[in-house]
Amino acid sequence: MTRAALTVALTVAMFGLLSATALADANKADACAAFTESDRMDPGIGAKLNVGKCFEEWGRLATAMRWYRDAEKVARDAADPRVDKIHERIEALDPDVPRLTLHAAKGADASGVTIDGAPAVLEEALEVDPGPHAIAYTSSSGEAKKKTVPLERGGSSDLTLDLAKRSPKQPVVVAPVVTEAPAGNNQRIAGLAVGGAGIVAVVVSSIVTLRARGHYRDALHGDCMDSTSTCDPDGLTATHDARHEANIATVIAVIGGAAIAGGIVIYLIAPHGKRSDEHALYVAPTGTGLALGGRF
């Protein structure tokens, strides 16, 4: 075989191998995506284990480990008997999962550091899948930098990044918020309370008046033959008690009416706004009486 023919044969063989590898990866990606969708539609321990096994067979060990741990948590919470077997699988896979640790000087700004496009954590051994990993960051000179770190199954790598320092945060000064209740609130509340008590008193007086009237009519009909001049001793006592009860109701009604009027006045003369000297209404004495005025 000539050299040219050998070169062509090797090229074809290599292309075929690469095509087969790419096809296998595509098939694995489709299979793992299907298992992932199955867990999304009907999440469960078995579905999570299937996703983890698919990624493990594909060689994405850190991804498989996350699914196995998720399945273990669900199994432990549910007291599922498979929890021990799942834990054994995690323990067996753990030594093969690559670790990548990123370092930086104290006080460095790590906010823009990413691994394969995802935010990274410094000073922590991160579990990653075998293969190359792209590290992106901003250097101390302000330049955007990228580094590729290859990791094999069971391998580990430490990488120190030259990061910019964190800029000191300016203290945030928050002005105190002073809330001032509108002047006169307490006075208006007092006015409502007094007026409400007056309304209650009027209602009570009405009830007492009706009851006294009923007692009086019953006494006239039963003991006085419907005439105040023909009452027997019981009738005299009953009518006297009824009139006394009616008098009490009258007094209660007068007090209630006064309370209602007082409550209205207290409410109306309460100051408005923030200044205590601003009134909606005022009452001032004059030489001949009282003057009513103010803001309506």
C-alpha atoms as a PDB file:
ATOM      1  CA  MET A   1       0.000   0.000   0.000  1.00  0.00           C
ATOM      2  CA  THR A   2       1.373   3.379  -0.930  1.00  0.00           C
ATOM      3  CA  ARG A   3       1.842   6.148   1.609  1.00  0.00           C
ATOM      4  CA  ALA A   4      -0.981   8.164   0.070  1.00  0.00           C
ATOM      5  CA  ALA A   5      -3.358   5.211   0.246  1.00  0.00           C
ATOM      6  CA  LEU A   6      -2.360   4.567   3.877  1.00  0.00           C
ATOM      7  CA  THR A   7      -3.003   8.188   4.760  1.00  0.00           C
ATOM      8  CA  VAL A   8      -6.438   8.062   3.168  1.00  0.00           C
ATOM      9  CA  ALA A   9      -7.274   4.843   4.984  1.00  0.00           C
ATOM     10  CA  LEU A  10      -6.209   6.259   8.344  1.00  0.00           C
ATOM     11  CA  THR A  11      -8.194   9.443   7.693  1.00  0.00           C
ATOM     12  CA  VAL A  12     -11.315   7.460   6.806  1.00  0.00           C
ATOM     13  CA  ALA A  13     -10.907   5.238   9.876  1.00  0.00           C
ATOM     14  CA  MET A  14     -10.392   8.235  12.165  1.00  0.00           C
ATOM     15  CA  PHE A  15     -13.379  10.029  10.650  1.00  0.00           C
ATOM     16  CA  GLY A  16     -15.473   6.931  11.140  1.00  0.00           C
ATOM     17  CA  LEU A  17     -14.373   6.654  14.774  1.00  0.00           C
ATOM     18  CA  LEU A  18     -15.151  10.309  15.432  1.00  0.00           C
ATOM     19  CA  SER A  19     -18.527   9.972  13.726  1.00  0.00           C
ATOM     20  CA  ALA A  20     -19.350   6.917  15.808  1.00  0.00           C
ATOM     21  CA  THR A  21     -18.345   8.743  18.996  1.00  0.00           C
ATOM     22  CA  ALA A  22     -20.409  11.780  18.061  1.00  0.00           C
ATOM     23  CA  LEU A  23     -23.378   9.548  17.245  1.00  0.00           C
ATOM     24  CA  ALA A  24     -23.027   7.734  20.573  1.00  0.00           C
ATOM     25  CA  ASP A  25     -22.890  11.044  22.430  1.00  0.00           C
ATOM     26  CA  ALA A  26     -25.958  12.263  20.569  1.00  0.00           C
ATOM     27  CA  ASN A  27     -27.819   9.068  21.416  1.00  0.00           C
ATOM     28  CA  LYS A  28     -26.818   9.348  25.085  1.00  0.00           C
ATOM     29  CA  ALA A  29     -27.853  12.995  25.168  1.00  0.00           C
ATOM     30  CA  ASP A  30     -31.257  12.090  23.726  1.00  0.00           C
ATOM     31  CA  ALA A  31     -31.674   9.197  26.174  1.00  0.00           C
ATOM     32  CA  CYS A  32     -30.725  11.286  29.219  1.00  0.00           C
ATOM     33  CA  ALA A  33     -32.983  14.103  28.068  1.00  0.00           C
ATOM     34  CA  ALA A  34     -35.863  11.616  27.792  1.00  0.00           C
ATOM     35  CA  PHE A  35     -35.203  10.260  31.299  1.00  0.00           C
ATOM     36  CA  THR A  36     -34.978  13.819  32.657  1.00  0.00           C
ATOM     37  CA  GLU A  37     -38.316  14.704  31.065  1.00  0.00           C
ATOM     38  CA  SER A  38     -39.829  11.525  32.537  1.00  0.00           C
ATOM     39  CA  ASP A  39     -38.745  12.612  36.025  1.00  0.00           C
ATOM     40  CA  ARG A  40     -40.174  16.087  35.419  1.00  0.00           C
ATOM     41  CA  MET A  41     -43.528  14.642  34.382  1.00  0.00           C
ATOM     42  CA  ASP A  42     -43.654  12.021  37.151  1.00  0.00           C
ATOM     43  CA  PRO A  43     -40.902  12.649  39.729  1.00  0.00           C
ATOM     44  CA  GLY A  44     -39.907   9.674  41.805  1.00  0.00           C
ATOM     45  CA  ILE A  45     -36.982   7.677  43.141  1.00  0.00           C
ATOM     46  CA  GLY A  46     -36.898   5.271  40.199  1.00  0.00           C
ATOM     47  CA  ALA A  47     -37.039   8.070  37.643  1.00  0.00           C
ATOM     48  CA  LYS A  48     -34.152   9.907  39.326  1.00  0.00           C
ATOM     49  CA  LEU A  49     -32.072   6.736  39.465  1.00  0.00           C
ATOM     50  CA  ASN A  50     -32.640   6.207  35.733  1.00  0.00           C
ATOM     51  CA  VAL A  51     -31.425   9.742  34.987  1.00  0.00           C
ATOM     52  CA  GLY A  52     -28.355   9.246  37.192  1.00  0.00           C
ATOM     53  CA  LYS A  53     -27.498   5.901  35.579  1.00  0.00           C
ATOM     54  CA  CYS A  54     -27.850   7.402  32.100  1.00  0.00           C
ATOM     55  CA  PHE A  55     -25.434  10.233  32.905  1.00  0.00           C
ATOM     56  CA  GLU A  56     -23.032   7.828  34.593  1.00  0.00           C
ATOM     57  CA  GLU A  57     -22.918   5.586  31.498  1.00  0.00           C
ATOM     58  CA  TRP A  58     -22.415   8.696  29.371  1.00  0.00           C
ATOM     59  CA  GLY A  59     -19.393   9.627  31.525  1.00  0.00           C
ATOM     60  CA  ARG A  60     -20.874  12.745  33.079  1.00  0.00           C
ATOM     61  CA  LEU A  61     -20.096  11.601  36.601  1.00  0.00           C
ATOM     62  CA  ALA A  62     -20.680  14.811  38.564  1.00  0.00           C
ATOM     63  CA  THR A  63     -24.098  15.198  36.924  1.00  0.00           C
ATOM     64  CA  ALA A  64     -24.895  11.564  37.742  1.00  0.00           C
ATOM     65  CA  MET A  65     -23.813  12.131  41.363  1.00  0.00           C
ATOM     66  CA  ARG A  66     -26.267  15.017  41.737  1.00  0.00           C
ATOM     67  CA  TRP A  67     -29.141  12.846  40.515  1.00  0.00           C
ATOM     68  CA  TYR A  68     -28.153   9.959  42.792  1.00  0.00           C
ATOM     69  CA  ARG A  69     -28.009  12.291  45.798  1.00  0.00           C
ATOM     70  CA  ASP A  70     -31.424  13.693  44.904  1.00  0.00           C
ATOM     71  CA  ALA A  71     -32.814  10.156  44.730  1.00  0.00           C
ATOM     72  CA  GLU A  72     -31.200   9.305  48.072  1.00  0.00           C
ATOM     73  CA  LYS A  73     -32.803  12.315  49.771  1.00  0.00           C
ATOM     74  CA  VAL A  74     -36.240  11.436  48.433  1.00  0.00           C
ATOM     75  CA  ALA A  75     -35.794   7.802  49.467  1.00  0.00           C
ATOM     76  CA  ARG A  76     -34.620   8.765  52.955  1.00  0.00           C
ATOM     77  CA  ASP A  77     -37.534  11.164  53.452  1.00  0.00           C
ATOM     78  CA  ALA A  78     -39.949   8.447  52.344  1.00  0.00           C
ATOM     79  CA  ALA A  79     -38.230   5.698  54.400  1.00  0.00           C
ATOM     80  CA  ASP A  80     -37.793   3.765  51.147  1.00  0.00           C
ATOM     81  CA  PRO A  81     -35.835   0.478  51.508  1.00  0.00           C
ATOM     82  CA  ARG A  82     -33.694   1.396  48.485  1.00  0.00           C
ATOM     83  CA  VAL A  83     -31.915   4.160  50.377  1.00  0.00           C
ATOM     84  CA  ASP A  84     -28.987   1.963  51.450  1.00  0.00           C
ATOM     85  CA  LYS A  85     -28.355   0.695  47.915  1.00  0.00           C
ATOM     86  CA  ILE A  86     -28.462   4.248  46.566  1.00  0.00           C
ATOM     87  CA  HIS A  87     -25.963   5.378  49.216  1.00  0.00           C
ATOM     88  CA  GLU A  88     -23.648   2.497  48.298  1.00  0.00           C
ATOM     89  CA  ARG A  89     -23.793   3.592  44.645  1.00  0.00           C
ATOM     90  CA  ILE A  90     -22.880   7.165  45.650  1.00  0.00           C
ATOM     91  CA  GLU A  91     -19.956   5.966  47.780  1.00  0.00           C
ATOM     92  CA  ALA A  92     -18.658   3.814  44.927  1.00  0.00           C
ATOM     93  CA  LEU A  93     -18.894   6.625  42.360  1.00  0.00           C
ATOM     94  CA  ASP A  94     -17.484   9.406  44.564  1.00  0.00           C
ATOM     95  CA  PRO A  95     -13.738   8.632  44.040  1.00  0.00           C
ATOM     96  CA  ASP A  96     -14.176   8.787  40.251  1.00  0.00           C
ATOM     97  CA  VAL A  97     -15.772  12.250  40.218  1.00  0.00           C
ATOM     98  CA  PRO A  98     -13.191  14.932  39.275  1.00  0.00           C
ATOM     99  CA  ARG A  99     -12.718  17.946  41.550  1.00  0.00           C
ATOM    100  CA  LEU A 100     -11.749  21.466  40.572  1.00  0.00           C
ATOM    101  CA  THR A 101     -10.746  24.071  43.156  1.00  0.00           C
ATOM    102  CA  LEU A 102     -10.348  27.737  42.281  1.00  0.00           C
ATOM    103  CA  HIS A 103      -8.223  30.018  44.468  1.00  0.00           C
ATOM    104  CA  ALA A 104      -7.708  33.771  44.611  1.00  0.00           C
ATOM    105  CA  ALA A 105      -6.090  36.332  46.870  1.00  0.00           C
ATOM    106  CA  LYS A 106      -7.984  37.440  49.946  1.00  0.00           C
ATOM    107  CA  GLY A 107     -10.403  40.242  49.148  1.00  0.00           C
ATOM    108  CA  ALA A 108     -10.613  39.331  45.449  1.00  0.00           C
ATOM    109  CA  ASP A 109     -13.804  39.998  43.525  1.00  0.00           C
ATOM    110  CA  ALA A 110     -15.152  36.589  42.482  1.00  0.00           C
ATOM    111  CA  SER A 111     -18.527  37.823  41.278  1.00  0.00           C
ATOM    112  CA  GLY A 112     -17.661  37.367  37.606  1.00  0.00           C
ATOM    113  CA  VAL A 113     -15.938  33.972  37.789  1.00  0.00           C
ATOM    114  CA  THR A 114     -17.702  31.193  35.862  1.00  0.00           C
ATOM    115  CA  ILE A 115     -17.108  27.536  35.074  1.00  0.00           C
ATOM    116  CA  ASP A 116     -18.614  26.507  31.749  1.00  0.00           C
ATOM    117  CA  GLY A 117     -20.825  29.596  31.929  1.00  0.00           C
ATOM    118  CA  ALA A 118     -22.167  28.923  35.427  1.00  0.00           C
ATOM    119  CA  PRO A 119     -21.211  31.004  38.511  1.00  0.00           C
ATOM    120  CA  ALA A 120     -18.256  29.489  40.361  1.00  0.00           C
ATOM    121  CA  VAL A 121     -17.402  29.276  44.052  1.00  0.00           C
ATOM    122  CA  LEU A 122     -13.835  29.906  45.250  1.00  0.00           C
ATOM    123  CA  GLU A 123     -11.885  27.841  47.776  1.00  0.00           C
ATOM    124  CA  GLU A 124     -14.193  24.852  47.433  1.00  0.00           C
ATOM    125  CA  ALA A 125     -13.588  21.525  45.692  1.00  0.00           C
ATOM    126  CA  LEU A 126     -16.253  21.566  43.013  1.00  0.00           C
ATOM    127  CA  GLU A 127     -17.449  18.298  41.505  1.00  0.00           C
ATOM    128  CA  VAL A 128     -17.261  18.467  37.701  1.00  0.00           C
ATOM    129  CA  ASP A 129     -17.693  16.028  34.840  1.00  0.00           C
ATOM    130  CA  PRO A 130     -14.558  14.557  33.206  1.00  0.00           C
ATOM    131  CA  GLY A 131     -13.321  16.583  30.263  1.00  0.00           C
ATOM    132  CA  PRO A 132     -12.200  20.151  29.568  1.00  0.00           C
ATOM    133  CA  HIS A 133     -13.740  23.035  31.527  1.00  0.00           C
ATOM    134  CA  ALA A 134     -13.693  26.699  30.547  1.00  0.00           C
ATOM    135  CA  ILE A 135     -12.907  29.169  33.343  1.00  0.00           C
ATOM    136  CA  ALA A 136     -13.804  32.803  32.649  1.00  0.00           C
ATOM    137  CA  TYR A 137     -12.904  35.730  34.907  1.00  0.00           C
ATOM    138  CA  THR A 138     -11.760  39.348  34.994  1.00  0.00           C
ATOM    139  CA  SER A 139      -8.117  39.859  35.894  1.00  0.00           C
ATOM    140  CA  SER A 140      -6.687  42.447  38.238  1.00  0.00           C
ATOM    141  CA  SER A 141      -5.847  44.598  35.206  1.00  0.00           C
ATOM    142  CA  GLY A 142      -9.480  44.563  34.111  1.00  0.00           C
ATOM    143  CA  GLU A 143      -8.980  42.165  31.190  1.00  0.00           C
ATOM    144  CA  ALA A 144     -11.450  39.377  30.425  1.00  0.00           C
ATOM    145  CA  LYS A 145      -9.548  36.115  30.736  1.00  0.00           C
ATOM    146  CA  LYS A 146     -10.316  32.487  29.850  1.00  0.00           C
ATOM    147  CA  LYS A 147      -8.564  29.304  30.817  1.00  0.00           C
ATOM    148  CA  THR A 148      -9.323  25.694  29.929  1.00  0.00           C
ATOM    149  CA  VAL A 149      -8.706  23.018  32.547  1.00  0.00           C
ATOM    150  CA  PRO A 150      -8.878  19.360  31.416  1.00  0.00           C
ATOM    151  CA  LEU A 151      -9.827  16.812  34.067  1.00  0.00           C
ATOM    152  CA  GLU A 152      -9.785  13.049  33.870  1.00  0.00           C
ATOM    153  CA  ARG A 153     -11.914  10.536  35.725  1.00  0.00           C
ATOM    154  CA  GLY A 154     -10.896  10.626  39.400  1.00  0.00           C
ATOM    155  CA  GLY A 155      -8.586  13.605  38.838  1.00  0.00           C
ATOM    156  CA  SER A 156      -8.353  16.919  40.632  1.00  0.00           C
ATOM    157  CA  SER A 157      -6.942  20.333  39.825  1.00  0.00           C
ATOM    158  CA  ASP A 158      -6.196  23.555  41.697  1.00  0.00           C
ATOM    159  CA  LEU A 159      -6.152  26.842  39.815  1.00  0.00           C
ATOM    160  CA  THR A 160      -5.211  30.247  41.237  1.00  0.00           C
ATOM    161  CA  LEU A 161      -6.831  33.203  39.508  1.00  0.00           C
ATOM    162  CA  ASP A 162      -5.478  36.739  39.358  1.00  0.00           C
ATOM    163  CA  LEU A 163      -8.664  38.576  40.209  1.00  0.00           C
ATOM    164  CA  ALA A 164      -9.347  42.226  40.829  1.00  0.00           C
ATOM    165  CA  LYS A 165      -9.969  43.267  44.406  1.00  0.00           C
ATOM    166  CA  ARG A 166     -13.448  43.998  45.611  1.00  0.00           C
ATOM    167  CA  SER A 167     -14.242  47.677  45.592  1.00  0.00           C
ATOM    168  CA  PRO A 168     -15.109  48.968  49.062  1.00  0.00           C
ATOM    169  CA  LYS A 169     -18.814  49.412  49.428  1.00  0.00           C
ATOM    170  CA  GLN A 170     -19.978  52.877  50.290  1.00  0.00           C
ATOM    171  CA  PRO A 171     -22.088  52.931  53.421  1.00  0.00           C
ATOM    172  CA  VAL A 172     -25.719  53.470  52.660  1.00  0.00           C
ATOM    173  CA  VAL A 173     -27.082  56.341  54.688  1.00  0.00           C
ATOM    174  CA  VAL A 174     -30.771  56.014  55.273  1.00  0.00           C
ATOM    175  CA  ALA A 175     -32.483  59.149  56.439  1.00  0.00           C
ATOM    176  CA  PRO A 176     -34.671  58.483  59.420  1.00  0.00           C
ATOM    177  CA  VAL A 177     -38.311  58.464  58.538  1.00  0.00           C
ATOM    178  CA  VAL A 178     -40.286  60.500  61.003  1.00  0.00           C
ATOM    179  CA  THR A 179     -43.943  59.730  60.961  1.00  0.00           C
ATOM    180  CA  GLU A 180     -46.223  62.144  62.677  1.00  0.00           C
ATOM    181  CA  ALA A 181     -49.786  61.249  63.348  1.00  0.00           C
ATOM    182  CA  PRO A 182     -52.152  63.970  62.154  1.00  0.00           C
ATOM    183  CA  ALA A 183     -52.897  66.342  64.982  1.00  0.00           C
ATOM    184  CA  GLY A 184     -56.283  65.814  66.561  1.00  0.00           C
ATOM    185  CA  ASN A 185     -56.560  62.089  65.961  1.00  0.00           C
ATOM    186  CA  ASN A 186     -56.934  61.297  69.649  1.00  0.00           C
ATOM    187  CA  GLN A 187     -59.486  64.061  70.050  1.00  0.00           C
ATOM    188  CA  ARG A 188     -61.561  62.782  67.155  1.00  0.00           C
ATOM    189  CA  ILE A 189     -61.446  59.267  68.588  1.00  0.00           C
ATOM    190  CA  ALA A 190     -62.609  60.633  71.939  1.00  0.00           C
ATOM    191  CA  GLY A 191     -65.427  62.477  70.206  1.00  0.00           C
ATOM    192  CA  LEU A 192     -66.568  59.297  68.495  1.00  0.00           C
ATOM    193  CA  ALA A 193     -66.407  57.399  71.769  1.00  0.00           C
ATOM    194  CA  VAL A 194     -68.473  59.993  73.643  1.00  0.00           C
ATOM    195  CA  GLY A 195     -71.005  60.209  70.832  1.00  0.00           C
ATOM    196  CA  GLY A 196     -71.239  56.425  70.645  1.00  0.00           C
ATOM    197  CA  ALA A 197     -71.876  56.209  74.368  1.00  0.00           C
ATOM    198  CA  GLY A 198     -74.638  58.801  73.969  1.00  0.00           C
ATOM    199  CA  ILE A 199     -76.296  56.733  71.236  1.00  0.00           C
ATOM    200  CA  VAL A 200     -76.198  53.663  73.470  1.00  0.00           C
ATOM    201  CA  ALA A 201     -77.772  55.674  76.300  1.00  0.00           C
ATOM    202  CA  VAL A 202     -80.611  56.852  74.043  1.00  0.00           C
ATOM    203  CA  VAL A 203     -81.289  53.301  72.895  1.00  0.00           C
ATOM    204  CA  VAL A 204     -81.349  52.086  76.517  1.00  0.00           C
ATOM    205  CA  SER A 205     -83.704  54.908  77.522  1.00  0.00           C
ATOM    206  CA  SER A 206     -86.053  53.968  74.687  1.00  0.00           C
ATOM    207  CA  ILE A 207     -86.160  50.363  75.872  1.00  0.00           C
ATOM    208  CA  VAL A 208     -86.779  51.405  79.482  1.00  0.00           C
ATOM    209  CA  THR A 209     -89.529  53.835  78.378  1.00  0.00           C
ATOM    210  CA  LEU A 210     -91.338  51.141  76.407  1.00  0.00           C
ATOM    211  CA  ARG A 211     -91.104  48.733  79.316  1.00  0.00           C
ATOM    212  CA  ALA A 212     -92.384  51.376  81.790  1.00  0.00           C
ATOM    213  CA  ARG A 213     -95.304  52.190  79.482  1.00  0.00           C
ATOM    214  CA  GLY A 214     -96.198  48.510  79.291  1.00  0.00           C
ATOM    215  CA  HIS A 215     -96.107  48.126  83.081  1.00  0.00           C
ATOM    216  CA  TYR A 216     -98.267  51.232  83.477  1.00  0.00           C
ATOM    217  CA  ARG A 217    -100.918  49.987  81.054  1.00  0.00           C
ATOM    218  CA  ASP A 218    -100.967  46.553  82.686  1.00  0.00           C
ATOM    219  CA  ALA A 219    -101.497  48.167  86.117  1.00  0.00           C
ATOM    220  CA  LEU A 220    -104.335  50.374  84.853  1.00  0.00           C
ATOM    221  CA  HIS A 221    -106.101  47.467  83.224  1.00  0.00           C
ATOM    222  CA  GLY A 222    -105.606  44.925  85.991  1.00  0.00           C
ATOM    223  CA  ASP A 223    -105.751  46.923  89.200  1.00  0.00           C
ATOM    224  CA  CYS A 224    -107.366  50.275  88.322  1.00  0.00           C
ATOM    225  CA  MET A 225    -110.254  49.319  86.025  1.00  0.00           C
ATOM    226  CA  ASP A 226    -108.622  51.543  83.332  1.00  0.00           C
ATOM    227  CA  SER A 227    -108.915  54.669  85.496  1.00  0.00           C
ATOM    228  CA  THR A 228    -106.284  56.253  87.717  1.00  0.00           C
ATOM    229  CA  SER A 229    -109.006  57.263  90.237  1.00  0.00           C
ATOM    230  CA  THR A 230    -110.147  53.689  90.942  1.00  0.00           C
ATOM    231  CA  CYS A 231    -106.796  52.003  91.681  1.00  0.00           C
ATOM    232  CA  ASP A 232    -106.532  49.537  94.518  1.00  0.00           C
ATOM    233  CA  PRO A 233    -103.373  49.482  96.683  1.00  0.00           C
ATOM    234  CA  ASP A 234    -101.583  47.125  94.252  1.00  0.00           C
ATOM    235  CA  GLY A 235    -102.541  49.357  91.333  1.00  0.00           C
ATOM    236  CA  LEU A 236    -101.231  52.449  93.078  1.00  0.00           C
ATOM    237  CA  THR A 237     -97.908  50.751  93.753  1.00  0.00           C
ATOM    238  CA  ALA A 238     -97.628  49.420  90.198  1.00  0.00           C
ATOM    239  CA  THR A 239     -98.458  52.724  88.517  1.00  0.00           C
ATOM    240  CA  HIS A 240     -96.061  54.559  90.839  1.00  0.00           C
ATOM    241  CA  ASP A 241     -93.241  52.154  89.952  1.00  0.00           C
ATOM    242  CA  ALA A 242     -94.003  52.504  86.246  1.00  0.00           C
ATOM    243  CA  ARG A 243     -93.874  56.305  86.436  1.00  0.00           C
ATOM    244  CA  HIS A 244     -90.594  56.123  88.382  1.00  0.00           C
ATOM    245  CA  GLU A 245     -89.126  53.859  85.711  1.00  0.00           C
ATOM    246  CA  ALA A 246     -90.268  56.292  83.012  1.00  0.00           C
ATOM    247  CA  ASN A 247     -88.577  59.163  84.849  1.00  0.00           C
ATOM    248  CA  ILE A 248     -85.323  57.210  84.943  1.00  0.00           C
ATOM    249  CA  ALA A 249     -85.617  56.599  81.185  1.00  0.00           C
ATOM    250  CA  THR A 250     -86.104  60.344  80.648  1.00  0.00           C
ATOM    251  CA  VAL A 251     -82.940  61.141  82.608  1.00  0.00           C
ATOM    252  CA  ILE A 252     -80.971  58.544  80.616  1.00  0.00           C
ATOM    253  CA  ALA A 253     -82.298  60.018  77.369  1.00  0.00           C
ATOM    254  CA  VAL A 254     -81.242  63.533  78.393  1.00  0.00           C
ATOM    255  CA  ILE A 255     -77.748  62.311  79.330  1.00  0.00           C
ATOM    256  CA  GLY A 256     -77.471  60.378  76.060  1.00  0.00           C
ATOM    257  CA  GLY A 257     -78.533  63.361  74.004  1.00  0.00           C
ATOM    258  CA  ALA A 258     -75.994  65.549  75.767  1.00  0.00           C
ATOM    259  CA  ALA A 259     -73.288  62.945  75.124  1.00  0.00           C
ATOM    260  CA  ILE A 260     -74.143  62.816  71.441  1.00  0.00           C
ATOM    261  CA  ALA A 261     -74.002  66.589  71.171  1.00  0.00           C
ATOM    262  CA  GLY A 262     -70.741  66.728  73.136  1.00  0.00           C
ATOM    263  CA  GLY A 263     -69.181  64.018  70.969  1.00  0.00           C
ATOM    264  CA  ILE A 264     -70.062  65.934  67.818  1.00  0.00           C
ATOM    265  CA  VAL A 265     -68.520  69.123  69.184  1.00  0.00           C
ATOM    266  CA  ILE A 266     -65.347  67.328  70.344  1.00  0.00           C
ATOM    267  CA  TYR A 267     -64.973  65.712  66.908  1.00  0.00           C
ATOM    268  CA  LEU A 268     -65.534  68.903  64.945  1.00  0.00           C
ATOM    269  CA  ILE A 269     -63.161  71.115  66.925  1.00  0.00           C
ATOM    270  CA  ALA A 270     -60.307  68.588  66.656  1.00  0.00           C
ATOM    271  CA  PRO A 271     -57.282  70.113  64.807  1.00  0.00           C
ATOM    272  CA  HIS A 272     -56.520  68.933  61.256  1.00  0.00           C
ATOM    273  CA  GLY A 273     -53.215  68.646  59.473  1.00  0.00           C
ATOM    274  CA  LYS A 274     -49.879  68.579  61.280  1.00  0.00           C
ATOM    275  CA  ARG A 275     -50.283  71.830  63.155  1.00  0.00           C
ATOM    276  CA  SER A 276     -52.208  71.643  66.361  1.00  0.00           C
ATOM    277  CA  ASP A 277     -53.518  75.181  65.868  1.00  0.00           C
ATOM    278  CA  GLU A 278     -55.385  74.266  62.669  1.00  0.00           C
ATOM    279  CA  HIS A 279     -59.013  73.461  63.487  1.00  0.00           C
ATOM    280  CA  ALA A 280     -61.906  72.421  61.398  1.00  0.00           C
ATOM    281  CA  LEU A 281     -64.172  74.280  63.814  1.00  0.00           C
ATOM    282  CA  TYR A 282     -63.692  76.473  66.842  1.00  0.00           C
ATOM    283  CA  VAL A 283     -65.881  77.877  69.584  1.00  0.00           C
ATOM    284  CA  ALA A 284     -64.737  81.133  71.199  1.00  0.00           C
ATOM    285  CA  PRO A 285     -66.398  83.248  73.898  1.00  0.00           C
ATOM    286  CA  THR A 286     -67.538  86.769  73.010  1.00  0.00           C
ATOM    287  CA  GLY A 287     -68.975  89.562  75.037  1.00  0.00           C
ATOM    288  CA  THR A 288     -72.546  88.386  74.479  1.00  0.00           C
ATOM    289  CA  GLY A 289     -72.113  84.611  74.033  1.00  0.00           C
ATOM    290  CA  LEU A 290     -70.120  82.156  71.906  1.00  0.00           C
ATOM    291  CA  ALA A 291     -68.747  82.591  68.408  1.00  0.00           C
ATOM    292  CA  LEU A 292     -68.582  79.558  66.049  1.00  0.00           C
ATOM    293  CA  GLY A 293     -66.028  79.556  63.257  1.00  0.00           C
ATOM    294  CA  GLY A 294     -63.173  77.722  61.597  1.00  0.00           C
ATOM    295  CA  ARG A 295     -62.487  75.680  58.456  1.00  0.00           C
ATOM    296  CA  PHE A 296     -65.234  73.531  56.941  1.00  0.00           C
END
